[in-house]
Amino acid sequence: MDQPSAGGRRAFLQAIGLAGAALAFEGISAGGRTLSARLVHSPDDPEPPNEIVAKILKDRFGDRPIQRGHVTLDMATMTEDGRYVPVSLESDLPMTPERYVKSVFFIIDHNPDPLVFAMHLTPRIGPLAIQTRVKMRRTSWIRAICETSDGEVWADYAKVETSLNGCG
């Protein structure tokens, strides 16, 4: 990132991350249905803890496998204050007109509204690097999921412990 435009691009991505977090919050209701999908591919990957998270994953990704890799979620594994939890996401997936990350989602399993971040991208954004902050209700898995223009779904997960409720 020695290029002069790299700093401007990073600042632009940070601004988009904050704006996207403010504008793209979505609430999801469970609808009372039990859903199943191919969601876990490694013993280290978290299972959906409830119908709400299962519905979000099913609605967004259908039966496509969510693969681990190409996405790096960087955040502290313990935080005292759930009202302010810094999160960074980077991906080595290509951002070309032929293949690019078209959507990014952050899901916090035990929040009142688990889908806390949804951003839709174009290849013009350049390398994917997002920095934002989220609120957490309690200790929970954080799911960072990227969907590519050709339908692949990639993710990284982190379990974050918090002692102060950030969601009221």
Protein backbone atom coordinates (compact mmCIF):
# COMPACT_ATOMS: atom_id res chain seq x y z
CA MET A 1 0.00 0.00 0.00
CA ASP A 2 2.80 2.40 -0.84
CA GLN A 3 0.75 4.00 -3.60
CA PRO A 4 -0.44 7.56 -2.97
CA SER A 5 -4.06 6.56 -3.55
CA ALA A 6 -3.98 3.78 -0.93
CA GLY A 7 -4.45 6.17 2.01
CA GLY A 8 -7.34 7.88 0.27
CA ARG A 9 -8.90 4.54 -0.58
CA ARG A 10 -8.59 3.33 3.03
CA ALA A 11 -10.19 6.55 4.33
CA PHE A 12 -12.95 6.15 1.75
CA LEU A 13 -13.58 2.55 2.83
CA GLN A 14 -13.66 3.56 6.49
CA ALA A 15 -16.18 6.30 5.73
CA ILE A 16 -18.30 3.87 3.71
CA GLY A 17 -18.10 1.34 6.52
CA LEU A 18 -19.42 3.85 9.04
CA ALA A 19 -22.08 5.15 6.67
CA GLY A 20 -23.08 1.62 5.72
CA ALA A 21 -23.36 0.64 9.36
CA ALA A 22 -25.67 3.56 9.98
CA LEU A 23 -27.78 3.06 6.85
CA ALA A 24 -27.85 -0.69 6.37
CA PHE A 25 -29.08 -1.97 9.71
CA GLU A 26 -31.83 -4.50 9.14
CA GLY A 27 -34.20 -6.18 11.57
CA ILE A 28 -35.20 -9.78 11.07
CA SER A 29 -38.10 -11.68 12.65
CA ALA A 30 -38.08 -15.42 13.10
CA GLY A 31 -41.50 -16.09 11.63
CA GLY A 32 -41.83 -19.21 13.80
CA ARG A 33 -40.30 -21.60 11.25
CA THR A 34 -37.48 -24.06 11.71
CA LEU A 35 -34.89 -23.79 8.95
CA SER A 36 -32.01 -25.98 7.91
CA ALA A 37 -29.19 -25.19 5.53
CA ARG A 38 -25.63 -26.34 4.91
CA LEU A 39 -24.03 -23.76 7.17
CA VAL A 40 -21.12 -25.36 8.98
CA HIS A 41 -18.10 -26.97 7.35
CA SER A 42 -15.63 -27.18 10.19
CA PRO A 43 -15.91 -28.27 13.81
CA ASP A 44 -14.58 -24.79 14.73
CA ASP A 45 -17.44 -22.99 12.96
CA PRO A 46 -20.40 -21.95 15.13
CA GLU A 47 -23.83 -23.51 14.66
CA PRO A 48 -26.74 -21.08 14.31
CA PRO A 49 -27.89 -20.63 17.93
CA ASN A 50 -31.55 -19.95 17.17
CA GLU A 51 -34.22 -19.71 14.47
CA ILE A 52 -33.59 -16.02 13.88
CA VAL A 53 -29.94 -16.52 12.85
CA ALA A 54 -30.86 -19.65 10.86
CA LYS A 55 -33.51 -17.61 9.00
CA ILE A 56 -31.06 -14.81 8.21
CA LEU A 57 -28.56 -17.31 6.80
CA LYS A 58 -31.26 -19.19 4.85
CA ASP A 59 -32.81 -15.98 3.45
CA ARG A 60 -29.47 -14.51 2.39
CA PHE A 61 -27.60 -17.60 1.17
CA GLY A 62 -30.16 -20.37 0.61
CA ASP A 63 -28.54 -23.79 0.54
CA ARG A 64 -25.16 -22.51 -0.68
CA PRO A 65 -22.30 -23.62 1.56
CA ILE A 66 -20.70 -20.97 3.71
CA GLN A 67 -16.99 -21.65 3.40
CA ARG A 68 -14.32 -20.50 5.79
CA GLY A 69 -11.46 -18.55 4.26
CA HIS A 70 -10.64 -15.47 2.17
CA VAL A 71 -12.18 -13.30 4.92
CA THR A 72 -10.29 -12.09 7.99
CA LEU A 73 -12.26 -10.78 10.95
CA ASP A 74 -10.02 -8.88 13.36
CA MET A 75 -11.36 -7.93 16.77
CA ALA A 76 -10.65 -8.39 20.45
CA THR A 77 -11.90 -11.65 21.93
CA MET A 78 -12.84 -9.87 25.15
CA THR A 79 -14.36 -6.42 25.67
CA GLU A 80 -15.60 -4.77 28.83
CA ASP A 81 -18.12 -2.51 27.09
CA GLY A 82 -20.56 -4.00 24.58
CA ARG A 83 -21.66 -0.50 23.53
CA TYR A 84 -18.49 0.01 21.51
CA VAL A 85 -16.78 -3.00 19.93
CA PRO A 86 -14.28 -2.20 17.13
CA VAL A 87 -14.36 -4.60 14.19
CA SER A 88 -12.09 -4.89 11.13
CA LEU A 89 -12.70 -7.07 8.11
CA GLU A 90 -10.37 -7.69 5.19
CA SER A 91 -10.61 -10.06 2.26
CA ASP A 92 -8.20 -11.30 -0.37
CA LEU A 93 -11.05 -12.07 -2.77
CA PRO A 94 -10.69 -10.32 -6.13
CA MET A 95 -12.45 -7.02 -6.76
CA THR A 96 -12.52 -7.07 -10.57
CA PRO A 97 -15.47 -6.49 -12.91
CA GLU A 98 -15.53 -10.25 -13.62
CA ARG A 99 -15.57 -11.36 -9.95
CA TYR A 100 -15.94 -9.31 -6.82
CA VAL A 101 -17.41 -9.21 -3.32
CA LYS A 102 -20.93 -7.94 -3.85
CA SER A 103 -22.19 -8.08 -0.24
CA VAL A 104 -20.78 -8.07 3.30
CA PHE A 105 -22.80 -9.05 6.36
CA PHE A 106 -22.04 -8.93 10.10
CA ILE A 107 -24.26 -11.15 12.23
CA ILE A 108 -24.05 -11.10 16.03
CA ASP A 109 -25.79 -14.26 17.19
CA HIS A 110 -27.27 -13.05 20.48
CA ASN A 111 -28.19 -9.46 19.66
CA PRO A 112 -31.88 -8.47 19.60
CA ASP A 113 -31.48 -7.90 15.84
CA PRO A 114 -28.61 -10.24 14.85
CA LEU A 115 -28.04 -8.80 11.35
CA VAL A 116 -26.24 -5.62 12.41
CA PHE A 117 -24.49 -4.75 9.16
CA ALA A 118 -25.25 -5.30 5.49
CA MET A 119 -23.27 -3.54 2.79
CA HIS A 120 -23.54 -3.97 -0.97
CA LEU A 121 -20.41 -3.25 -3.01
CA THR A 122 -19.15 -2.81 -6.55
CA PRO A 123 -15.72 -3.76 -7.92
CA ARG A 124 -14.80 -0.08 -8.16
CA ILE A 125 -14.27 0.03 -4.39
CA GLY A 126 -10.93 -1.77 -4.70
CA PRO A 127 -9.44 -4.12 -2.11
CA LEU A 128 -11.93 -4.94 0.62
CA ALA A 129 -11.06 -3.50 4.04
CA ILE A 130 -13.79 -2.34 6.41
CA GLN A 131 -13.39 -0.88 9.87
CA THR A 132 -16.42 -0.12 11.99
CA ARG A 133 -17.81 -0.71 15.44
CA VAL A 134 -20.80 -2.71 16.62
CA LYS A 135 -22.90 -3.06 19.75
CA MET A 136 -23.18 -6.41 21.50
CA ARG A 137 -25.86 -7.52 23.90
CA ARG A 138 -23.75 -10.21 25.51
CA THR A 139 -20.99 -12.74 24.81
CA SER A 140 -21.64 -14.02 21.32
CA TRP A 141 -20.27 -15.28 18.04
CA ILE A 142 -19.69 -12.62 15.40
CA ARG A 143 -20.10 -13.80 11.80
CA ALA A 144 -18.46 -11.82 8.99
CA ILE A 145 -19.79 -13.16 5.69
CA CYS A 146 -18.88 -12.08 2.15
CA GLU A 147 -20.92 -13.06 -0.90
CA THR A 148 -19.21 -12.89 -4.30
CA SER A 149 -20.74 -11.91 -7.62
CA ASP A 150 -20.48 -15.53 -8.78
CA GLY A 151 -22.45 -16.84 -5.77
CA GLU A 152 -19.69 -18.09 -3.49
CA VAL A 153 -20.06 -17.38 0.22
CA TRP A 154 -16.98 -16.95 2.45
CA ALA A 155 -16.83 -16.25 6.18
CA ASP A 156 -14.78 -15.80 9.29
CA TYR A 157 -16.00 -16.05 12.87
CA ALA A 158 -14.93 -14.73 16.26
CA LYS A 159 -16.35 -15.39 19.70
CA VAL A 160 -16.29 -12.18 21.72
CA GLU A 161 -16.89 -12.03 25.45
CA THR A 162 -18.38 -8.87 26.92
CA SER A 163 -19.29 -7.95 30.46
CA LEU A 164 -21.43 -4.82 29.86
CA ASN A 165 -24.64 -5.04 27.81
CA GLY A 166 -24.43 -2.68 24.83
CA CYS A 167 -27.99 -3.16 23.55
CA GLY A 168 -30.02 -1.75 26.42
